[in-house]
N, C-alpha and C. Protein backbone atom coordinates (compact mmCIF):
# COMPACT_ATOMS: atom_id res chain seq x y z
N MET A 1 -40.69 -33.36 -95.97
CA MET A 1 -41.26 -34.64 -95.53
C MET A 1 -42.26 -35.24 -96.59
N TYR A 2 -42.11 -36.65 -96.74
CA TYR A 2 -42.31 -37.57 -97.75
C TYR A 2 -43.70 -38.27 -97.03
N PHE A 3 -44.44 -38.50 -98.05
CA PHE A 3 -45.41 -39.66 -97.55
C PHE A 3 -45.53 -40.40 -98.72
N ALA A 4 -45.59 -42.02 -98.38
CA ALA A 4 -45.92 -42.85 -99.63
C ALA A 4 -47.12 -43.97 -98.99
N ALA A 5 -47.67 -44.17 -99.88
CA ALA A 5 -49.07 -44.91 -99.55
C ALA A 5 -49.32 -45.99 -100.99
N LEU A 6 -49.45 -47.48 -100.61
CA LEU A 6 -49.98 -48.10 -101.82
C LEU A 6 -51.79 -48.36 -101.73
N LEU A 7 -52.09 -48.07 -102.91
CA LEU A 7 -53.68 -48.15 -103.16
C LEU A 7 -53.67 -49.60 -103.93
N ALA A 8 -54.47 -50.62 -103.06
CA ALA A 8 -55.01 -51.87 -103.83
C ALA A 8 -56.28 -51.68 -104.38
N ARG A 9 -56.43 -52.29 -105.70
CA ARG A 9 -57.79 -52.43 -106.20
C ARG A 9 -57.94 -53.56 -105.71
N THR A 10 -59.50 -53.89 -104.78
CA THR A 10 -59.92 -55.05 -104.55
C THR A 10 -61.21 -55.27 -105.00
N GLU A 11 -61.94 -56.44 -104.86
CA GLU A 11 -63.38 -56.74 -105.09
C GLU A 11 -64.33 -55.91 -104.57
N ASP A 12 -63.84 -55.37 -103.25
CA ASP A 12 -64.51 -54.58 -102.40
C ASP A 12 -64.37 -53.22 -102.81
N GLY A 13 -63.53 -52.59 -103.49
CA GLY A 13 -63.11 -51.36 -103.50
C GLY A 13 -61.77 -51.05 -103.28
N TRP A 14 -61.16 -49.85 -102.68
CA TRP A 14 -59.64 -49.62 -102.77
C TRP A 14 -59.33 -49.94 -101.29
N GLU A 15 -58.25 -50.56 -100.94
CA GLU A 15 -57.46 -50.70 -99.68
C GLU A 15 -56.14 -50.05 -99.53
N ALA A 16 -56.10 -49.26 -98.77
CA ALA A 16 -54.78 -48.40 -98.67
C ALA A 16 -53.57 -48.68 -97.33
N SER A 17 -52.56 -48.69 -97.38
CA SER A 17 -51.51 -48.80 -96.60
C SER A 17 -50.39 -48.03 -96.67
N ASP A 18 -50.01 -47.24 -95.94
CA ASP A 18 -48.80 -46.56 -95.89
C ASP A 18 -47.47 -47.49 -96.03
N THR A 19 -46.42 -47.00 -96.71
CA THR A 19 -45.39 -48.00 -96.85
C THR A 19 -44.16 -47.44 -96.82
N GLU A 20 -43.27 -48.00 -96.24
CA GLU A 20 -41.80 -47.69 -96.16
C GLU A 20 -40.88 -48.01 -97.45
N LEU A 21 -40.19 -46.82 -97.76
CA LEU A 21 -39.72 -47.20 -98.92
C LEU A 21 -37.91 -46.98 -98.91
N ASP A 22 -37.88 -47.38 -97.61
CA ASP A 22 -36.32 -47.34 -97.21
C ASP A 22 -35.38 -48.58 -97.82
N ASP A 23 -35.95 -49.68 -98.05
CA ASP A 23 -35.66 -51.03 -98.71
C ASP A 23 -35.36 -50.93 -100.02
N VAL A 24 -36.17 -49.97 -100.71
CA VAL A 24 -36.73 -49.96 -102.23
C VAL A 24 -35.37 -48.89 -102.83
N GLU A 25 -34.89 -49.83 -103.89
CA GLU A 25 -33.99 -48.99 -104.52
C GLU A 25 -34.11 -48.68 -105.78
N THR A 26 -34.79 -49.55 -106.44
CA THR A 26 -35.23 -49.62 -107.82
C THR A 26 -36.77 -49.44 -108.30
N LEU A 27 -36.75 -49.06 -109.56
CA LEU A 27 -38.17 -49.43 -109.83
C LEU A 27 -38.78 -50.53 -109.73
N ALA A 28 -38.33 -51.13 -110.00
CA ALA A 28 -38.23 -53.21 -110.03
C ALA A 28 -38.60 -53.37 -108.41
N ASP A 29 -37.86 -52.45 -107.78
CA ASP A 29 -37.96 -53.24 -106.07
C ASP A 29 -39.55 -52.45 -105.78
N LEU A 30 -39.97 -51.57 -106.18
CA LEU A 30 -41.08 -50.69 -106.08
C LEU A 30 -42.00 -51.77 -106.66
N ALA A 31 -42.11 -51.93 -107.85
CA ALA A 31 -42.82 -52.87 -108.90
C ALA A 31 -43.37 -54.42 -107.87
N GLU A 32 -42.28 -54.82 -107.08
CA GLU A 32 -42.18 -56.14 -106.56
C GLU A 32 -43.11 -55.57 -104.96
N LEU A 33 -43.03 -54.23 -104.49
CA LEU A 33 -43.63 -54.33 -103.19
C LEU A 33 -44.85 -54.23 -103.69
N ALA A 34 -45.29 -53.50 -104.72
CA ALA A 34 -46.79 -53.44 -105.13
C ALA A 34 -47.63 -54.37 -105.39
N ARG A 35 -46.86 -55.50 -105.82
CA ARG A 35 -47.31 -56.79 -106.34
C ARG A 35 -47.72 -57.85 -104.97
N GLU A 36 -46.90 -57.46 -104.14
CA GLU A 36 -46.98 -58.39 -103.01
C GLU A 36 -48.17 -57.56 -102.30
N ALA A 37 -48.72 -56.40 -102.25
CA ALA A 37 -50.25 -55.85 -102.14
C ALA A 37 -51.19 -56.24 -102.82
N ALA A 38 -50.72 -56.80 -104.21
CA ALA A 38 -51.93 -56.98 -104.54
C ALA A 38 -52.82 -58.10 -104.47
N THR A 39 -54.52 -58.50 -104.93
CA THR A 39 -54.86 -59.66 -104.63
C THR A 39 -55.38 -59.88 -106.41
N ASP A 40 -54.80 -61.38 -106.79
CA ASP A 40 -55.48 -61.45 -108.26
C ASP A 40 -55.30 -60.62 -109.21
N ASP A 41 -53.66 -60.30 -109.33
CA ASP A 41 -53.15 -59.42 -110.36
C ASP A 41 -54.05 -57.96 -110.37
N GLU A 42 -54.85 -57.75 -109.11
CA GLU A 42 -55.63 -56.41 -109.32
C GLU A 42 -54.80 -55.32 -109.15
N THR A 43 -55.05 -53.94 -110.14
CA THR A 43 -54.39 -52.55 -109.92
C THR A 43 -53.68 -52.13 -108.95
N VAL A 44 -52.61 -51.91 -108.45
CA VAL A 44 -52.14 -51.17 -107.30
C VAL A 44 -51.02 -50.10 -107.47
N LEU A 45 -51.48 -48.89 -107.06
CA LEU A 45 -51.08 -47.50 -106.71
C LEU A 45 -50.13 -47.01 -106.04
N VAL A 46 -49.04 -46.98 -106.35
CA VAL A 46 -48.25 -46.43 -105.55
C VAL A 46 -47.79 -45.01 -105.28
N CYS A 47 -48.42 -44.22 -104.47
CA CYS A 47 -48.42 -42.73 -104.37
C CYS A 47 -47.78 -42.07 -103.56
N ILE A 48 -46.48 -41.11 -104.02
CA ILE A 48 -45.74 -40.81 -103.44
C ILE A 48 -45.78 -39.14 -103.33
N GLU A 49 -45.27 -38.46 -102.43
CA GLU A 49 -45.49 -36.96 -102.52
C GLU A 49 -44.35 -36.36 -101.54
N GLN A 50 -43.76 -35.39 -101.88
CA GLN A 50 -42.89 -34.65 -100.81
C GLN A 50 -43.48 -33.22 -101.09
N GLU A 51 -43.71 -33.22 -99.70
CA GLU A 51 -44.70 -32.16 -99.51
C GLU A 51 -44.12 -30.79 -99.79
N GLY A 52 -44.90 -30.23 -100.74
CA GLY A 52 -44.94 -28.83 -101.60
C GLY A 52 -43.64 -28.70 -102.71
N GLY A 53 -43.27 -30.00 -103.11
CA GLY A 53 -42.19 -30.19 -104.15
C GLY A 53 -42.52 -31.33 -105.34
N TRP A 54 -42.95 -32.10 -105.15
CA TRP A 54 -43.38 -32.84 -106.15
C TRP A 54 -44.30 -34.13 -105.99
N PHE A 55 -45.01 -34.80 -107.16
CA PHE A 55 -45.94 -36.19 -106.25
C PHE A 55 -45.47 -36.83 -107.53
N GLY A 56 -45.56 -38.49 -107.28
CA GLY A 56 -45.49 -39.22 -108.32
C GLY A 56 -46.74 -40.15 -107.88
N VAL A 57 -47.01 -41.22 -109.33
CA VAL A 57 -48.03 -42.13 -109.05
C VAL A 57 -47.12 -43.16 -109.93
N VAL A 58 -47.13 -44.56 -109.39
CA VAL A 58 -46.60 -45.75 -110.20
C VAL A 58 -47.66 -46.38 -110.03
N ARG A 59 -48.20 -47.16 -111.16
CA ARG A 59 -49.28 -48.25 -111.33
C ARG A 59 -48.90 -49.53 -112.10
N VAL A 60 -49.12 -50.46 -111.16
CA VAL A 60 -48.56 -51.95 -111.27
C VAL A 60 -50.27 -52.73 -111.96
N ASP A 61 -49.84 -52.99 -112.70
CA ASP A 61 -51.26 -53.95 -113.42
C ASP A 61 -50.78 -55.54 -113.55
N GLY A 62 -50.78 -56.24 -112.43
CA GLY A 62 -50.17 -57.76 -112.61
C GLY A 62 -48.79 -57.98 -113.04
N GLU A 63 -48.63 -58.72 -113.48
CA GLU A 63 -46.75 -58.50 -114.15
C GLU A 63 -46.51 -57.70 -115.42
N GLU A 64 -47.51 -56.85 -115.69
CA GLU A 64 -47.01 -55.72 -116.43
C GLU A 64 -45.86 -55.02 -115.95
N ASP A 65 -45.00 -53.99 -116.76
CA ASP A 65 -44.20 -53.45 -116.47
C ASP A 65 -44.90 -52.27 -116.12
N PRO A 66 -44.38 -51.74 -114.71
CA PRO A 66 -45.06 -50.58 -114.08
C PRO A 66 -44.80 -49.12 -115.09
N ARG A 67 -46.15 -48.55 -114.72
CA ARG A 67 -46.32 -47.32 -115.37
C ARG A 67 -46.06 -46.11 -114.29
N VAL A 68 -45.19 -45.02 -114.76
CA VAL A 68 -45.16 -44.06 -113.92
C VAL A 68 -45.35 -42.54 -114.61
N PHE A 69 -45.73 -41.80 -113.62
CA PHE A 69 -45.99 -40.47 -113.77
C PHE A 69 -45.21 -39.74 -112.63
N VAL A 70 -44.58 -38.44 -113.01
CA VAL A 70 -43.93 -37.73 -112.04
C VAL A 70 -44.34 -36.16 -112.20
N SER A 71 -44.95 -35.47 -111.57
CA SER A 71 -45.32 -33.93 -111.08
C SER A 71 -44.24 -33.20 -111.84
N ASP A 72 -42.96 -33.11 -111.44
CA ASP A 72 -41.85 -32.73 -111.70
C ASP A 72 -40.76 -33.39 -111.68
N ALA A 73 -39.97 -34.02 -112.52
CA ALA A 73 -39.06 -34.77 -112.85
C ALA A 73 -37.89 -34.01 -112.53
N ALA A 74 -37.35 -32.58 -112.32
CA ALA A 74 -36.14 -32.09 -111.78
C ALA A 74 -36.49 -32.04 -110.46
N ALA A 75 -37.40 -31.56 -109.76
CA ALA A 75 -37.55 -32.05 -108.24
C ALA A 75 -37.52 -33.06 -107.64
N ALA A 76 -37.96 -33.97 -108.56
CA ALA A 76 -37.90 -35.50 -108.11
C ALA A 76 -36.56 -35.93 -108.09
N MET A 77 -35.87 -35.40 -108.98
CA MET A 77 -34.18 -36.33 -109.26
C MET A 77 -33.53 -35.74 -108.07
N ARG A 78 -33.88 -34.85 -107.51
CA ARG A 78 -33.13 -34.02 -106.25
C ARG A 78 -33.45 -34.99 -104.92
N SER A 79 -34.58 -35.96 -105.11
CA SER A 79 -34.58 -36.55 -104.05
C SER A 79 -34.68 -38.22 -104.33
N SER A 80 -34.14 -38.84 -102.94
CA SER A 80 -33.85 -40.32 -103.44
C SER A 80 -35.19 -41.18 -103.48
N TYR A 81 -36.15 -40.69 -103.18
CA TYR A 81 -37.22 -41.18 -103.56
C TYR A 81 -37.65 -41.49 -105.08
N GLY A 82 -37.52 -39.92 -105.77
CA GLY A 82 -37.78 -39.93 -106.86
C GLY A 82 -36.82 -40.41 -107.75
N GLU A 83 -35.55 -40.28 -107.44
CA GLU A 83 -34.61 -41.13 -108.14
C GLU A 83 -34.98 -42.55 -108.71
N ILE A 84 -35.71 -43.14 -107.54
CA ILE A 84 -36.45 -44.66 -107.70
C ILE A 84 -37.15 -44.44 -108.99
N LEU A 85 -38.05 -43.44 -109.14
CA LEU A 85 -39.01 -43.53 -110.37
C LEU A 85 -38.69 -43.23 -111.53
N LEU A 86 -37.54 -42.28 -111.70
CA LEU A 86 -37.42 -41.93 -112.76
C LEU A 86 -35.99 -42.87 -113.47
N SER A 87 -36.36 -43.94 -113.92
CA SER A 87 -35.74 -44.81 -114.50
C SER A 87 -34.77 -44.16 -116.00
N ASP A 88 -34.07 -44.76 -116.37
CA ASP A 88 -33.31 -44.28 -117.65
C ASP A 88 -34.28 -44.21 -118.61
N GLU A 89 -35.03 -45.17 -118.74
CA GLU A 89 -36.36 -45.31 -120.00
C GLU A 89 -36.83 -44.19 -119.74
N LEU A 90 -37.62 -44.03 -118.74
CA LEU A 90 -38.23 -42.55 -118.67
C LEU A 90 -37.71 -41.61 -118.90
N LEU A 91 -36.57 -41.41 -118.62
CA LEU A 91 -35.76 -39.99 -118.93
C LEU A 91 -34.93 -39.96 -119.95
N GLY A 92 -35.28 -41.21 -120.98
CA GLY A 92 -34.94 -41.24 -122.55
C GLY A 92 -33.17 -41.06 -122.50
N ARG A 93 -32.72 -41.85 -121.72
CA ARG A 93 -31.40 -41.91 -121.58
C ARG A 93 -30.84 -43.38 -121.70
N GLU A 94 -29.75 -43.75 -122.13
CA GLU A 94 -28.82 -45.13 -122.15
C GLU A 94 -28.75 -45.75 -120.58
N PRO A 95 -29.17 -46.70 -120.61
CA PRO A 95 -29.04 -47.30 -119.07
C PRO A 95 -27.97 -47.56 -118.82
N GLU A 96 -27.39 -47.14 -117.45
CA GLU A 96 -26.25 -47.16 -117.10
C GLU A 96 -25.56 -48.73 -117.09
N ASP A 97 -24.14 -48.41 -117.48
CA ASP A 97 -23.36 -49.87 -117.82
C ASP A 97 -23.02 -50.48 -116.46
N PRO A 98 -23.44 -51.82 -116.32
CA PRO A 98 -23.23 -51.89 -114.59
C PRO A 98 -21.44 -52.27 -114.55
N ASP A 99 -20.69 -52.37 -116.02
CA ASP A 99 -19.11 -52.58 -115.97
C ASP A 99 -18.73 -50.99 -116.12
N ALA A 100 -19.45 -50.10 -115.39
CA ALA A 100 -18.81 -48.78 -115.79
C ALA A 100 -17.49 -48.63 -114.94
N LEU A 101 -17.54 -49.02 -113.86
CA LEU A 101 -16.41 -48.68 -113.08
C LEU A 101 -15.20 -48.99 -113.68
N ASP A 102 -14.86 -50.48 -114.43
CA ASP A 102 -14.18 -51.25 -115.30
C ASP A 102 -13.82 -50.09 -116.73
N GLN A 103 -14.59 -49.58 -116.76
CA GLN A 103 -14.20 -48.83 -118.17
C GLN A 103 -13.99 -47.31 -117.80
N LEU A 104 -13.60 -47.04 -116.57
CA LEU A 104 -13.00 -45.62 -116.55
C LEU A 104 -11.64 -45.04 -116.90
N VAL A 105 -10.90 -46.22 -117.40
CA VAL A 105 -9.87 -45.63 -117.89
C VAL A 105 -10.22 -46.53 -119.53
N ASP A 106 -9.82 -45.81 -120.70
CA ASP A 106 -10.05 -46.01 -122.00
C ASP A 106 -8.89 -46.91 -122.42
N LEU A 107 -8.77 -47.48 -123.54
CA LEU A 107 -7.78 -48.43 -124.08
C LEU A 107 -7.06 -47.44 -124.21
N ASP A 108 -6.90 -46.23 -124.57
CA ASP A 108 -5.66 -45.35 -124.80
C ASP A 108 -5.49 -44.76 -123.96
N GLY A 109 -5.74 -44.95 -122.61
CA GLY A 109 -5.19 -44.35 -121.32
C GLY A 109 -5.76 -43.03 -120.86
N THR A 110 -6.53 -42.61 -121.32
CA THR A 110 -7.28 -41.62 -120.95
C THR A 110 -8.67 -41.99 -120.14
N GLU A 111 -8.66 -41.32 -119.12
CA GLU A 111 -10.02 -41.32 -118.20
C GLU A 111 -11.07 -41.14 -118.75
N ASP A 112 -12.31 -41.54 -118.79
CA ASP A 112 -13.61 -41.23 -119.30
C ASP A 112 -13.74 -39.81 -118.62
N GLY A 113 -14.28 -39.21 -119.73
CA GLY A 113 -14.60 -38.01 -119.83
C GLY A 113 -13.49 -36.97 -120.03
N GLU A 114 -12.13 -37.36 -120.35
CA GLU A 114 -11.36 -36.44 -120.81
C GLU A 114 -11.42 -36.20 -121.89
N PRO A 115 -11.29 -35.10 -122.71
CA PRO A 115 -11.25 -35.02 -123.71
C PRO A 115 -9.69 -35.51 -124.63
N ASP A 116 -9.93 -36.36 -126.03
CA ASP A 116 -8.94 -36.97 -126.37
C ASP A 116 -8.03 -35.89 -127.29
N GLN A 117 -7.09 -36.04 -127.82
CA GLN A 117 -6.01 -35.02 -128.12
C GLN A 117 -6.58 -33.95 -129.09
N ASP A 118 -7.71 -34.57 -129.64
CA ASP A 118 -8.15 -33.92 -130.91
C ASP A 118 -9.12 -32.71 -130.31
N GLY A 119 -9.31 -32.59 -129.19
CA GLY A 119 -10.20 -32.03 -128.39
C GLY A 119 -11.86 -32.01 -128.45
N ASP A 120 -11.98 -33.49 -128.64
CA ASP A 120 -13.20 -33.78 -128.88
C ASP A 120 -14.10 -33.67 -127.34
N GLU A 121 -15.13 -32.57 -127.91
CA GLU A 121 -16.30 -32.12 -126.77
C GLU A 121 -17.10 -33.18 -126.37
N GLU A 122 -17.30 -34.15 -126.85
CA GLU A 122 -18.16 -35.26 -126.74
C GLU A 122 -17.75 -36.16 -125.44
N ALA A 123 -16.31 -36.04 -125.81
CA ALA A 123 -15.74 -37.06 -124.67
C ALA A 123 -15.83 -36.32 -123.35
N ALA A 124 -15.64 -35.26 -123.22
CA ALA A 124 -15.87 -34.24 -122.01
C ALA A 124 -17.04 -34.43 -121.13
N THR A 125 -18.04 -34.13 -122.21
CA THR A 125 -19.58 -33.94 -121.37
C THR A 125 -19.90 -35.35 -121.01
N GLY A 126 -20.01 -36.25 -122.22
CA GLY A 126 -20.40 -37.83 -122.28
C GLY A 126 -22.04 -37.97 -122.26
N SER A 127 -22.74 -38.70 -122.26
CA SER A 127 -23.69 -39.08 -122.34
C SER A 127 -24.62 -38.87 -121.17
N GLU A 128 -24.05 -38.31 -119.89
CA GLU A 128 -24.82 -37.98 -118.80
C GLU A 128 -24.89 -36.12 -118.79
N GLY A 129 -24.35 -35.68 -119.60
CA GLY A 129 -24.37 -34.17 -119.57
C GLY A 129 -25.69 -33.79 -119.86
N ALA A 130 -26.87 -34.27 -120.09
CA ALA A 130 -28.08 -33.89 -120.23
C ALA A 130 -28.68 -33.66 -118.84
N GLU A 131 -29.12 -32.24 -118.63
CA GLU A 131 -30.37 -32.29 -117.44
C GLU A 131 -31.25 -32.70 -117.55
N THR A 132 -32.06 -33.19 -116.12
CA THR A 132 -33.19 -33.89 -115.79
C THR A 132 -34.76 -32.70 -116.37
N PRO A 133 -35.46 -32.75 -117.09
CA PRO A 133 -36.12 -31.59 -117.74
C PRO A 133 -36.88 -31.17 -116.62
N PRO A 134 -37.63 -30.07 -116.35
CA PRO A 134 -38.45 -29.24 -115.12
C PRO A 134 -39.91 -30.05 -115.80
N GLY A 135 -40.85 -30.05 -115.08
CA GLY A 135 -41.89 -30.63 -115.22
C GLY A 135 -42.43 -31.89 -115.13
N PRO A 136 -43.92 -31.96 -115.64
CA PRO A 136 -44.38 -33.28 -115.85
C PRO A 136 -43.28 -34.63 -116.49
N LEU A 137 -43.46 -35.56 -116.27
CA LEU A 137 -42.59 -36.62 -116.97
C LEU A 137 -43.39 -37.85 -116.82
N GLY A 138 -43.43 -38.73 -118.15
CA GLY A 138 -44.21 -39.97 -117.88
C GLY A 138 -45.63 -40.11 -118.55
N ASP A 139 -46.24 -41.15 -117.94
CA ASP A 139 -47.71 -41.56 -118.33
C ASP A 139 -48.80 -40.60 -117.78
N ALA A 140 -48.99 -39.55 -118.24
CA ALA A 140 -49.98 -38.79 -118.09
C ALA A 140 -51.41 -39.35 -117.76
N GLY A 141 -51.53 -40.41 -118.51
CA GLY A 141 -53.18 -41.20 -119.09
C GLY A 141 -52.95 -42.43 -117.79
N ILE A 142 -52.21 -42.30 -116.84
CA ILE A 142 -52.06 -43.70 -116.01
C ILE A 142 -53.53 -43.95 -115.00
N LEU A 143 -54.06 -42.54 -115.23
CA LEU A 143 -55.41 -42.97 -114.25
C LEU A 143 -56.71 -42.82 -114.91
N ALA A 144 -56.50 -42.68 -116.11
CA ALA A 144 -57.74 -42.43 -117.18
C ALA A 144 -58.42 -43.48 -117.04
N ASP A 145 -58.31 -44.51 -117.29
CA ASP A 145 -59.43 -45.27 -116.97
C ASP A 145 -60.23 -45.64 -115.46
N LEU A 146 -59.38 -44.90 -114.53
CA LEU A 146 -59.86 -44.94 -113.09
C LEU A 146 -60.54 -43.73 -112.55
N GLY A 147 -60.96 -42.90 -113.79
CA GLY A 147 -61.22 -41.70 -113.56
C GLY A 147 -60.87 -40.58 -113.47
N MET A 148 -59.81 -40.21 -113.84
CA MET A 148 -59.10 -39.04 -113.60
C MET A 148 -58.30 -39.10 -115.06
N GLU A 149 -58.66 -37.78 -115.87
CA GLU A 149 -58.31 -37.72 -117.27
C GLU A 149 -56.79 -37.16 -116.59
N ASP A 150 -55.93 -37.27 -118.13
CA ASP A 150 -54.67 -36.76 -118.24
C ASP A 150 -54.52 -35.38 -117.73
N LYS A 151 -55.39 -34.57 -118.43
CA LYS A 151 -55.26 -32.98 -118.10
C LYS A 151 -55.61 -32.84 -116.72
N THR A 152 -56.37 -33.39 -116.08
CA THR A 152 -56.55 -33.35 -114.89
C THR A 152 -55.54 -33.37 -114.09
N LEU A 153 -54.70 -34.55 -114.15
CA LEU A 153 -53.45 -35.02 -113.37
C LEU A 153 -52.11 -34.11 -113.53
N LEU A 154 -52.21 -33.59 -114.95
CA LEU A 154 -51.20 -32.56 -115.42
C LEU A 154 -51.44 -31.22 -114.41
N SER A 155 -52.66 -30.95 -114.22
CA SER A 155 -52.93 -29.75 -113.36
C SER A 155 -52.84 -29.63 -111.77
N LEU A 156 -52.78 -30.75 -111.31
CA LEU A 156 -52.68 -31.09 -110.07
C LEU A 156 -51.22 -30.27 -109.22
N THR A 157 -51.40 -29.75 -108.30
CA THR A 157 -50.54 -29.14 -107.64
C THR A 157 -50.06 -30.30 -106.31
N PRO A 158 -48.55 -30.15 -106.06
CA PRO A 158 -48.17 -31.31 -105.26
C PRO A 158 -49.05 -31.14 -103.83
N GLU A 159 -49.45 -30.06 -103.34
CA GLU A 159 -49.99 -29.69 -102.14
C GLU A 159 -51.32 -30.70 -102.26
N ASP A 160 -51.99 -30.71 -103.22
CA ASP A 160 -53.73 -31.38 -102.88
C ASP A 160 -53.77 -33.06 -103.89
N ALA A 161 -52.32 -32.77 -104.60
CA ALA A 161 -52.43 -34.16 -105.60
C ALA A 161 -52.77 -35.48 -105.29
N LEU A 162 -52.59 -35.86 -104.17
CA LEU A 162 -53.02 -37.35 -104.01
C LEU A 162 -54.34 -37.29 -103.39
N SER A 163 -54.34 -36.33 -102.62
CA SER A 163 -56.27 -36.21 -102.03
C SER A 163 -57.24 -36.11 -103.43
N GLU A 164 -56.84 -35.41 -104.30
CA GLU A 164 -57.62 -35.57 -105.54
C GLU A 164 -57.26 -36.69 -106.36
N VAL A 165 -56.16 -37.40 -106.10
CA VAL A 165 -56.31 -38.93 -107.10
C VAL A 165 -57.37 -39.50 -106.23
N ALA A 166 -57.03 -39.43 -104.96
CA ALA A 166 -58.13 -40.68 -103.95
C ALA A 166 -59.43 -40.22 -103.92
N ASP A 167 -59.77 -38.69 -104.58
CA ASP A 167 -61.13 -38.47 -104.76
C ASP A 167 -61.93 -38.88 -106.04
N ALA A 168 -61.10 -38.78 -107.22
CA ALA A 168 -61.30 -39.33 -108.52
C ALA A 168 -61.38 -41.02 -108.47
N LEU A 169 -60.76 -41.83 -107.68
CA LEU A 169 -60.91 -42.87 -107.56
C LEU A 169 -61.93 -43.09 -106.68
N GLY A 170 -62.15 -42.61 -105.52
CA GLY A 170 -63.75 -42.62 -104.85
C GLY A 170 -62.61 -43.61 -103.60
N CYS A 171 -61.91 -43.10 -103.27
CA CYS A 171 -61.27 -43.47 -102.03
C CYS A 171 -60.47 -42.88 -101.09
N THR A 172 -61.20 -41.53 -100.88
CA THR A 172 -60.50 -40.61 -100.42
C THR A 172 -60.35 -40.94 -98.90
N ASP A 173 -61.64 -41.69 -98.12
CA ASP A 173 -61.49 -41.83 -96.86
C ASP A 173 -60.37 -42.97 -96.27
N VAL A 174 -60.26 -43.78 -97.37
CA VAL A 174 -59.15 -44.89 -97.32
C VAL A 174 -57.79 -44.30 -97.22
N LEU A 175 -57.44 -43.52 -98.06
CA LEU A 175 -56.16 -42.81 -97.84
C LEU A 175 -55.67 -42.05 -97.00
N GLU A 176 -56.80 -41.27 -96.60
CA GLU A 176 -56.75 -40.31 -95.16
C GLU A 176 -56.42 -41.14 -93.79
N ALA A 177 -57.14 -42.34 -93.95
CA ALA A 177 -56.81 -43.15 -92.54
C ALA A 177 -55.47 -43.49 -92.28
N VAL A 178 -54.85 -43.48 -93.67
CA VAL A 178 -53.40 -44.35 -93.36
C VAL A 178 -52.12 -42.66 -93.67
N ARG A 179 -52.85 -41.68 -93.78
CA ARG A 179 -52.12 -40.52 -93.68
C ARG A 179 -51.67 -40.08 -92.43
């Protein structure tokens, strides 16, 4: 089971709203959803948790690029919502080529991923051969200026993470109201 909420910082404190991520396909879509919830380019946090599996926090400050923290990248990668957060840049891999389908057959007539006649292993594995690393990934200092040190964020378990984040931000009641 998943839970997703937007926490928007306002002059009067934090406002929370649960959110549906069904129409969100990319991190850019998620950032745009967060910006729509913001007032005057204030900070918006998107909090996502998969019960007992992993949690993620995306921070959007105005038009700046979103900052992302995921508690367990390997677990999140097995989730459609987690895949939204795990951008190519965050995973340290080359962005997927939008013309990749056109390049499935190389100029030499072999399919992409087939070893060439010299037995080149690199062609067989390709750049996608690396697995997503288990454990935390992203900006652990994402909440440091809001009251939660990176060491604390890294030590949270998925079961209580969002409650602990809300407690550090001083918005536990607001988050629990939308839970």
